[in-house]
């Protein structure tokens, strides 16, 4: 069992509006920790529908991927 002072700090994750590389917007609420794995997860809400809260691994949310031969960020912050 881990103690609070054994936990690594969560990565900086500014709340605000983010745009997915496919064009849809999301509201990021912050970063949370998985209770079993301690993995950092981004907590967000799609702004184009009413499906509620979602989480995605922090590394995946802020990662890059190749689209049509170029490297792009999966999500880009566009404002508050």
PDB file of N, CA and C in Angstrom:
ATOM      1  N   UNK A   1       0.851  -1.189   0.000  1.00  0.00           N
ATOM      2  CA  UNK A   1       0.000   0.000   0.000  1.00  0.00           C
ATOM      3  C   UNK A   1       0.886   1.238   0.000  1.00  0.00           C
ATOM      4  N   UNK A   2       0.600   2.192  -0.854  1.00  0.00           N
ATOM      5  CA  UNK A   2       1.404   3.400  -0.906  1.00  0.00           C
ATOM      6  C   UNK A   2       0.883   4.461   0.038  1.00  0.00           C
ATOM      7  N   UNK A   3       1.797   5.281   0.459  1.00  0.00           N
ATOM      8  CA  UNK A   3       1.460   6.425   1.302  1.00  0.00           C
ATOM      9  C   UNK A   3       1.474   7.663   0.432  1.00  0.00           C
ATOM     10  N   UNK A   4       0.782   8.695   0.880  1.00  0.00           N
ATOM     11  CA  UNK A   4       0.687   9.926   0.087  1.00  0.00           C
ATOM     12  C   UNK A   4       2.049  10.450  -0.337  1.00  0.00           C
ATOM     13  N   UNK A   5       3.043  10.389   0.564  1.00  0.00           N
ATOM     14  CA  UNK A   5       4.337  10.960   0.218  1.00  0.00           C
ATOM     15  C   UNK A   5       5.148  10.049  -0.694  1.00  0.00           C
ATOM     16  N   UNK A   6       4.661   8.824  -0.982  1.00  0.00           N
ATOM     17  CA  UNK A   6       5.323   7.926  -1.931  1.00  0.00           C
ATOM     18  C   UNK A   6       4.877   8.201  -3.364  1.00  0.00           C
ATOM     19  N   UNK A   7       3.776   8.933  -3.531  1.00  0.00           N
ATOM     20  CA  UNK A   7       3.206   9.155  -4.864  1.00  0.00           C
ATOM     21  C   UNK A   7       4.008  10.198  -5.625  1.00  0.00           C
ATOM     22  N   UNK A   8       4.241   9.918  -6.901  1.00  0.00           N
ATOM     23  CA  UNK A   8       4.844  10.926  -7.769  1.00  0.00           C
ATOM     24  C   UNK A   8       3.814  12.017  -8.019  1.00  0.00           C
ATOM     25  N   UNK A   9       4.257  13.267  -8.196  1.00  0.00           N
ATOM     26  CA  UNK A   9       3.279  14.319  -8.487  1.00  0.00           C
ATOM     27  C   UNK A   9       2.593  14.057  -9.832  1.00  0.00           C
ATOM     28  N   UNK A  10       1.344  14.476  -9.917  1.00  0.00           N
ATOM     29  CA  UNK A  10       0.624  14.361 -11.190  1.00  0.00           C
ATOM     30  C   UNK A  10       1.212  15.360 -12.185  1.00  0.00           C
ATOM     31  N   UNK A  11       1.230  15.009 -13.473  1.00  0.00           N
ATOM     32  CA  UNK A  11       1.781  15.939 -14.464  1.00  0.00           C
ATOM     33  C   UNK A  11       0.924  17.191 -14.602  1.00  0.00           C
ATOM     34  N   UNK A  12       1.561  18.325 -14.908  1.00  0.00           N
ATOM     35  CA  UNK A  12       0.782  19.556 -15.108  1.00  0.00           C
ATOM     36  C   UNK A  12      -0.218  19.365 -16.245  1.00  0.00           C
ATOM     37  N   UNK A  13      -1.448  19.754 -15.981  1.00  0.00           N
ATOM     38  CA  UNK A  13      -2.514  19.586 -16.973  1.00  0.00           C
ATOM     39  C   UNK A  13      -3.449  20.782 -16.863  1.00  0.00           C
ATOM     40  N   UNK A  14      -3.173  21.842 -17.625  1.00  0.00           N
ATOM     41  CA  UNK A  14      -4.024  23.027 -17.522  1.00  0.00           C
ATOM     42  C   UNK A  14      -5.461  22.732 -17.929  1.00  0.00           C
ATOM     43  N   UNK A  15      -6.438  23.054 -17.064  1.00  0.00           N
ATOM     44  CA  UNK A  15      -7.831  22.905 -17.478  1.00  0.00           C
ATOM     45  C   UNK A  15      -8.150  23.889 -18.594  1.00  0.00           C
ATOM     46  N   UNK A  16      -9.169  23.591 -19.350  1.00  0.00           N
ATOM     47  CA  UNK A  16      -9.587  24.480 -20.430  1.00  0.00           C
ATOM     48  C   UNK A  16     -10.109  23.699 -21.618  1.00  0.00           C
ATOM     49  N   UNK A  17     -10.265  24.420 -22.720  1.00  0.00           N
ATOM     50  CA  UNK A  17     -10.775  23.820 -23.959  1.00  0.00           C
ATOM     51  C   UNK A  17      -9.624  23.282 -24.789  1.00  0.00           C
ATOM     52  N   UNK A  18      -9.831  22.086 -25.311  1.00  0.00           N
ATOM     53  CA  UNK A  18      -8.841  21.437 -26.153  1.00  0.00           C
ATOM     54  C   UNK A  18      -9.523  20.977 -27.423  1.00  0.00           C
ATOM     55  N   UNK A  19      -8.777  20.969 -28.507  1.00  0.00           N
ATOM     56  CA  UNK A  19      -9.306  20.502 -29.794  1.00  0.00           C
ATOM     57  C   UNK A  19      -8.590  19.214 -30.175  1.00  0.00           C
ATOM     58  N   UNK A  20      -9.369  18.202 -30.501  1.00  0.00           N
ATOM     59  CA  UNK A  20      -8.853  16.927 -30.985  1.00  0.00           C
ATOM     60  C   UNK A  20      -8.371  17.124 -32.422  1.00  0.00           C
ATOM     61  N   UNK A  21      -7.400  16.363 -32.829  1.00  0.00           N
ATOM     62  CA  UNK A  21      -6.858  16.529 -34.185  1.00  0.00           C
ATOM     63  C   UNK A  21      -7.908  16.328 -35.268  1.00  0.00           C
ATOM     64  N   UNK A  22      -9.025  15.654 -34.952  1.00  0.00           N
ATOM     65  CA  UNK A  22     -10.101  15.482 -35.935  1.00  0.00           C
ATOM     66  C   UNK A  22     -11.073  16.663 -35.936  1.00  0.00           C
ATOM     67  N   UNK A  23     -10.871  17.649 -35.006  1.00  0.00           N
ATOM     68  CA  UNK A  23     -11.647  18.888 -35.058  1.00  0.00           C
ATOM     69  C   UNK A  23     -12.673  19.120 -33.981  1.00  0.00           C
ATOM     70  N   UNK A  24     -12.982  18.125 -33.153  1.00  0.00           N
ATOM     71  CA  UNK A  24     -14.004  18.331 -32.133  1.00  0.00           C
ATOM     72  C   UNK A  24     -13.386  18.873 -30.842  1.00  0.00           C
ATOM     73  N   UNK A  25     -14.178  19.643 -30.092  1.00  0.00           N
ATOM     74  CA  UNK A  25     -13.687  20.313 -28.886  1.00  0.00           C
ATOM     75  C   UNK A  25     -14.100  19.572 -27.616  1.00  0.00           C
ATOM     76  N   UNK A  26     -13.234  19.706 -26.605  1.00  0.00           N
ATOM     77  CA  UNK A  26     -13.406  19.036 -25.322  1.00  0.00           C
ATOM     78  C   UNK A  26     -13.059  20.009 -24.209  1.00  0.00           C
ATOM     79  N   UNK A  27     -13.664  19.827 -23.053  1.00  0.00           N
ATOM     80  CA  UNK A  27     -13.325  20.602 -21.865  1.00  0.00           C
ATOM     81  C   UNK A  27     -12.535  19.699 -20.931  1.00  0.00           C
ATOM     82  N   UNK A  28     -11.296  20.077 -20.655  1.00  0.00           N
ATOM     83  CA  UNK A  28     -10.470  19.330 -19.708  1.00  0.00           C
ATOM     84  C   UNK A  28     -10.700  19.913 -18.318  1.00  0.00           C
ATOM     85  N   UNK A  29     -11.020  19.037 -17.375  1.00  0.00           N
ATOM     86  CA  UNK A  29     -11.285  19.446 -15.996  1.00  0.00           C
ATOM     87  C   UNK A  29     -10.040  19.326 -15.120  1.00  0.00           C
ATOM     88  N   UNK A  30      -9.136  18.463 -15.510  1.00  0.00           N
ATOM     89  CA  UNK A  30      -7.914  18.271 -14.737  1.00  0.00           C
ATOM     90  C   UNK A  30      -7.364  16.879 -14.945  1.00  0.00           C
ATOM     91  N   UNK A  31      -6.456  16.515 -14.056  1.00  0.00           N
ATOM     92  CA  UNK A  31      -5.834  15.193 -14.130  1.00  0.00           C
ATOM     93  C   UNK A  31      -6.134  14.457 -12.827  1.00  0.00           C
ATOM     94  N   UNK A  32      -6.404  13.168 -12.941  1.00  0.00           N
ATOM     95  CA  UNK A  32      -6.720  12.322 -11.796  1.00  0.00           C
ATOM     96  C   UNK A  32      -5.803  11.103 -11.823  1.00  0.00           C
ATOM     97  N   UNK A  33      -5.830  10.348 -10.731  1.00  0.00           N
ATOM     98  CA  UNK A  33      -4.961   9.179 -10.617  1.00  0.00           C
ATOM     99  C   UNK A  33      -5.827   7.920 -10.555  1.00  0.00           C
ATOM    100  N   UNK A  34      -5.462   6.893 -11.315  1.00  0.00           N
ATOM    101  CA  UNK A  34      -6.152   5.599 -11.265  1.00  0.00           C
ATOM    102  C   UNK A  34      -5.908   4.974  -9.894  1.00  0.00           C
ATOM    103  N   UNK A  35      -6.951   4.484  -9.251  1.00  0.00           N
ATOM    104  CA  UNK A  35      -6.841   3.992  -7.875  1.00  0.00           C
ATOM    105  C   UNK A  35      -6.001   2.717  -7.741  1.00  0.00           C
ATOM    106  N   UNK A  36      -5.913   1.932  -8.785  1.00  0.00           N
ATOM    107  CA  UNK A  36      -5.158   0.684  -8.706  1.00  0.00           C
ATOM    108  C   UNK A  36      -3.756   0.808  -9.290  1.00  0.00           C
ATOM    109  N   UNK A  37      -3.660   1.431 -10.472  1.00  0.00           N
ATOM    110  CA  UNK A  37      -2.369   1.490 -11.168  1.00  0.00           C
ATOM    111  C   UNK A  37      -1.598   2.771 -10.879  1.00  0.00           C
ATOM    112  N   UNK A  38      -2.277   3.785 -10.332  1.00  0.00           N
ATOM    113  CA  UNK A  38      -1.729   5.125 -10.061  1.00  0.00           C
ATOM    114  C   UNK A  38      -1.421   5.896 -11.339  1.00  0.00           C
ATOM    115  N   UNK A  39      -1.846   5.380 -12.481  1.00  0.00           N
ATOM    116  CA  UNK A  39      -1.633   6.060 -13.766  1.00  0.00           C
ATOM    117  C   UNK A  39      -2.358   7.405 -13.778  1.00  0.00           C
ATOM    118  N   UNK A  40      -1.714   8.418 -14.359  1.00  0.00           N
ATOM    119  CA  UNK A  40      -2.331   9.736 -14.528  1.00  0.00           C
ATOM    120  C   UNK A  40      -3.329   9.679 -15.680  1.00  0.00           C
ATOM    121  N   UNK A  41      -4.536  10.154 -15.426  1.00  0.00           N
ATOM    122  CA  UNK A  41      -5.611  10.156 -16.416  1.00  0.00           C
ATOM    123  C   UNK A  41      -6.160  11.564 -16.549  1.00  0.00           C
ATOM    124  N   UNK A  42      -6.434  11.983 -17.769  1.00  0.00           N
ATOM    125  CA  UNK A  42      -7.046  13.292 -18.020  1.00  0.00           C
ATOM    126  C   UNK A  42      -8.557  13.129 -17.925  1.00  0.00           C
ATOM    127  N   UNK A  43      -9.190  13.980 -17.125  1.00  0.00           N
ATOM    128  CA  UNK A  43     -10.641  13.985 -16.954  1.00  0.00           C
ATOM    129  C   UNK A  43     -11.213  15.071 -17.852  1.00  0.00           C
ATOM    130  N   UNK A  44     -12.112  14.687 -18.770  1.00  0.00           N
ATOM    131  CA  UNK A  44     -12.616  15.651 -19.747  1.00  0.00           C
ATOM    132  C   UNK A  44     -14.054  15.363 -20.137  1.00  0.00           C
ATOM    133  N   UNK A  45     -14.679  16.352 -20.768  1.00  0.00           N
ATOM    134  CA  UNK A  45     -16.046  16.251 -21.269  1.00  0.00           C
ATOM    135  C   UNK A  45     -16.064  16.660 -22.733  1.00  0.00           C
ATOM    136  N   UNK A  46     -16.660  15.858 -23.607  1.00  0.00           N
ATOM    137  CA  UNK A  46     -16.856  16.303 -24.987  1.00  0.00           C
ATOM    138  C   UNK A  46     -17.825  17.487 -24.997  1.00  0.00           C
ATOM    139  N   UNK A  47     -17.536  18.495 -25.810  1.00  0.00           N
ATOM    140  CA  UNK A  47     -18.416  19.665 -25.900  1.00  0.00           C
ATOM    141  C   UNK A  47     -19.407  19.549 -27.055  1.00  0.00           C
ATOM    142  N   UNK A  48     -19.334  18.490 -27.822  1.00  0.00           N
ATOM    143  CA  UNK A  48     -20.206  18.337 -28.992  1.00  0.00           C
ATOM    144  C   UNK A  48     -21.373  17.387 -28.728  1.00  0.00           C
ATOM    145  N   UNK A  49     -21.427  16.798 -27.498  1.00  0.00           N
ATOM    146  CA  UNK A  49     -22.557  15.940 -27.147  1.00  0.00           C
ATOM    147  C   UNK A  49     -22.712  15.909 -25.621  1.00  0.00           C
ATOM    148  N   UNK A  50     -23.651  15.154 -25.130  1.00  0.00           N
ATOM    149  CA  UNK A  50     -23.945  15.111 -23.691  1.00  0.00           C
ATOM    150  C   UNK A  50     -23.613  13.751 -23.091  1.00  0.00           C
ATOM    151  N   UNK A  51     -22.454  13.205 -23.437  1.00  0.00           N
ATOM    152  CA  UNK A  51     -22.116  11.864 -22.963  1.00  0.00           C
ATOM    153  C   UNK A  51     -21.420  11.855 -21.609  1.00  0.00           C
ATOM    154  N   UNK A  52     -21.232  13.026 -20.990  1.00  0.00           N
ATOM    155  CA  UNK A  52     -20.693  13.067 -19.635  1.00  0.00           C
ATOM    156  C   UNK A  52     -19.180  13.087 -19.556  1.00  0.00           C
ATOM    157  N   UNK A  53     -18.678  12.674 -18.401  1.00  0.00           N
ATOM    158  CA  UNK A  53     -17.246  12.701 -18.118  1.00  0.00           C
ATOM    159  C   UNK A  53     -16.545  11.476 -18.697  1.00  0.00           C
ATOM    160  N   UNK A  54     -15.327  11.703 -19.161  1.00  0.00           N
ATOM    161  CA  UNK A  54     -14.490  10.640 -19.711  1.00  0.00           C
ATOM    162  C   UNK A  54     -13.082  10.784 -19.152  1.00  0.00           C
ATOM    163  N   UNK A  55     -12.297   9.711 -19.219  1.00  0.00           N
ATOM    164  CA  UNK A  55     -10.883   9.771 -18.890  1.00  0.00           C
ATOM    165  C   UNK A  55     -10.089   9.104 -20.003  1.00  0.00           C
ATOM    166  N   UNK A  56      -8.858   9.580 -20.147  1.00  0.00           N
ATOM    167  CA  UNK A  56      -7.934   9.006 -21.120  1.00  0.00           C
ATOM    168  C   UNK A  56      -6.548   9.077 -20.489  1.00  0.00           C
ATOM    169  N   UNK A  57      -5.705   8.074 -20.688  1.00  0.00           N
ATOM    170  CA  UNK A  57      -4.362   8.154 -20.135  1.00  0.00           C
ATOM    171  C   UNK A  57      -3.665   9.456 -20.540  1.00  0.00           C
ATOM    172  N   UNK A  58      -2.997  10.087 -19.576  1.00  0.00           N
ATOM    173  CA  UNK A  58      -2.345  11.378 -19.803  1.00  0.00           C
ATOM    174  C   UNK A  58      -1.381  11.312 -20.986  1.00  0.00           C
ATOM    175  N   UNK A  59      -0.575  10.277 -21.036  1.00  0.00           N
ATOM    176  CA  UNK A  59       0.387  10.141 -22.130  1.00  0.00           C
ATOM    177  C   UNK A  59      -0.280  10.039 -23.488  1.00  0.00           C
ATOM    178  N   UNK A  60      -1.418   9.403 -23.557  1.00  0.00           N
ATOM    179  CA  UNK A  60      -2.155   9.290 -24.818  1.00  0.00           C
ATOM    180  C   UNK A  60      -2.807  10.635 -25.165  1.00  0.00           C
ATOM    181  N   UNK A  61      -3.421  11.278 -24.170  1.00  0.00           N
ATOM    182  CA  UNK A  61      -4.100  12.551 -24.421  1.00  0.00           C
ATOM    183  C   UNK A  61      -3.122  13.577 -24.992  1.00  0.00           C
ATOM    184  N   UNK A  62      -1.937  13.681 -24.390  1.00  0.00           N
ATOM    185  CA  UNK A  62      -0.960  14.677 -24.820  1.00  0.00           C
ATOM    186  C   UNK A  62       0.068  14.136 -25.802  1.00  0.00           C
ATOM    187  N   UNK A  63      -0.157  12.929 -26.280  1.00  0.00           N
ATOM    188  CA  UNK A  63       0.773  12.320 -27.223  1.00  0.00           C
ATOM    189  C   UNK A  63       0.594  12.816 -28.647  1.00  0.00           C
ATOM    190  N   UNK A  64       1.436  12.283 -29.504  1.00  0.00           N
ATOM    191  CA  UNK A  64       1.379  12.615 -30.924  1.00  0.00           C
ATOM    192  C   UNK A  64       1.051  11.352 -31.714  1.00  0.00           C
ATOM    193  N   UNK A  65       0.616  11.547 -32.940  1.00  0.00           N
ATOM    194  CA  UNK A  65       0.370  10.445 -33.850  1.00  0.00           C
ATOM    195  C   UNK A  65       0.626  10.922 -35.265  1.00  0.00           C
ATOM    196  N   UNK A  66       0.775   9.975 -36.154  1.00  0.00           N
ATOM    197  CA  UNK A  66       1.027  10.324 -37.550  1.00  0.00           C
ATOM    198  C   UNK A  66      -0.288  10.319 -38.318  1.00  0.00           C
ATOM    199  N   UNK A  67      -0.553  11.429 -38.992  1.00  0.00           N
ATOM    200  CA  UNK A  67      -1.772  11.587 -39.794  1.00  0.00           C
ATOM    201  C   UNK A  67      -1.350  12.072 -41.166  1.00  0.00           C
ATOM    202  N   UNK A  68      -1.654  11.289 -42.172  1.00  0.00           N
ATOM    203  CA  UNK A  68      -1.333  11.643 -43.558  1.00  0.00           C
ATOM    204  C   UNK A  68       0.134  12.055 -43.718  1.00  0.00           C
ATOM    205  N   UNK A  69       1.018  11.269 -43.078  1.00  0.00           N
ATOM    206  CA  UNK A  69       2.447  11.494 -43.240  1.00  0.00           C
ATOM    207  C   UNK A  69       3.062  12.579 -42.375  1.00  0.00           C
ATOM    208  N   UNK A  70       2.279  13.195 -41.498  1.00  0.00           N
ATOM    209  CA  UNK A  70       2.866  14.213 -40.617  1.00  0.00           C
ATOM    210  C   UNK A  70       2.510  13.917 -39.166  1.00  0.00           C
ATOM    211  N   UNK A  71       3.359  14.360 -38.253  1.00  0.00           N
ATOM    212  CA  UNK A  71       3.146  14.152 -36.827  1.00  0.00           C
ATOM    213  C   UNK A  71       2.314  15.301 -36.268  1.00  0.00           C
ATOM    214  N   UNK A  72       1.221  14.933 -35.600  1.00  0.00           N
ATOM    215  CA  UNK A  72       0.340  15.940 -34.996  1.00  0.00           C
ATOM    216  C   UNK A  72       0.078  15.575 -33.538  1.00  0.00           C
ATOM    217  N   UNK A  73      -0.247  16.601 -32.741  1.00  0.00           N
ATOM    218  CA  UNK A  73      -0.658  16.363 -31.359  1.00  0.00           C
ATOM    219  C   UNK A  73      -2.100  15.863 -31.369  1.00  0.00           C
ATOM    220  N   UNK A  74      -2.396  14.894 -30.526  1.00  0.00           N
ATOM    221  CA  UNK A  74      -3.760  14.362 -30.463  1.00  0.00           C
ATOM    222  C   UNK A  74      -4.739  15.439 -30.000  1.00  0.00           C
ATOM    223  N   UNK A  75      -4.376  16.223 -28.972  1.00  0.00           N
ATOM    224  CA  UNK A  75      -5.198  17.317 -28.470  1.00  0.00           C
ATOM    225  C   UNK A  75      -4.335  18.557 -28.329  1.00  0.00           C
ATOM    226  N   UNK A  76      -4.898  19.728 -28.647  1.00  0.00           N
ATOM    227  CA  UNK A  76      -4.192  21.011 -28.517  1.00  0.00           C
ATOM    228  C   UNK A  76      -5.077  21.941 -27.706  1.00  0.00           C
ATOM    229  N   UNK A  77      -4.486  22.603 -26.727  1.00  0.00           N
ATOM    230  CA  UNK A  77      -5.245  23.554 -25.896  1.00  0.00           C
ATOM    231  C   UNK A  77      -5.586  24.792 -26.741  1.00  0.00           C
ATOM    232  N   UNK A  78      -6.864  25.195 -26.692  1.00  0.00           N
ATOM    233  CA  UNK A  78      -7.299  26.341 -27.492  1.00  0.00           C
ATOM    234  C   UNK A  78      -7.836  27.481 -26.643  1.00  0.00           C
ATOM    235  N   UNK A  79      -7.865  27.313 -25.328  1.00  0.00           N
ATOM    236  CA  UNK A  79      -8.327  28.414 -24.466  1.00  0.00           C
ATOM    237  C   UNK A  79      -8.936  27.924 -23.178  1.00  0.00           C
ATOM    238  N   UNK A  80      -9.455  28.917 -22.429  1.00  0.00           N
ATOM    239  CA  UNK A  80     -10.074  28.591 -21.149  1.00  0.00           C
ATOM    240  C   UNK A  80     -11.496  28.173 -21.392  1.00  0.00           C
TER     241      UNK A  80
END
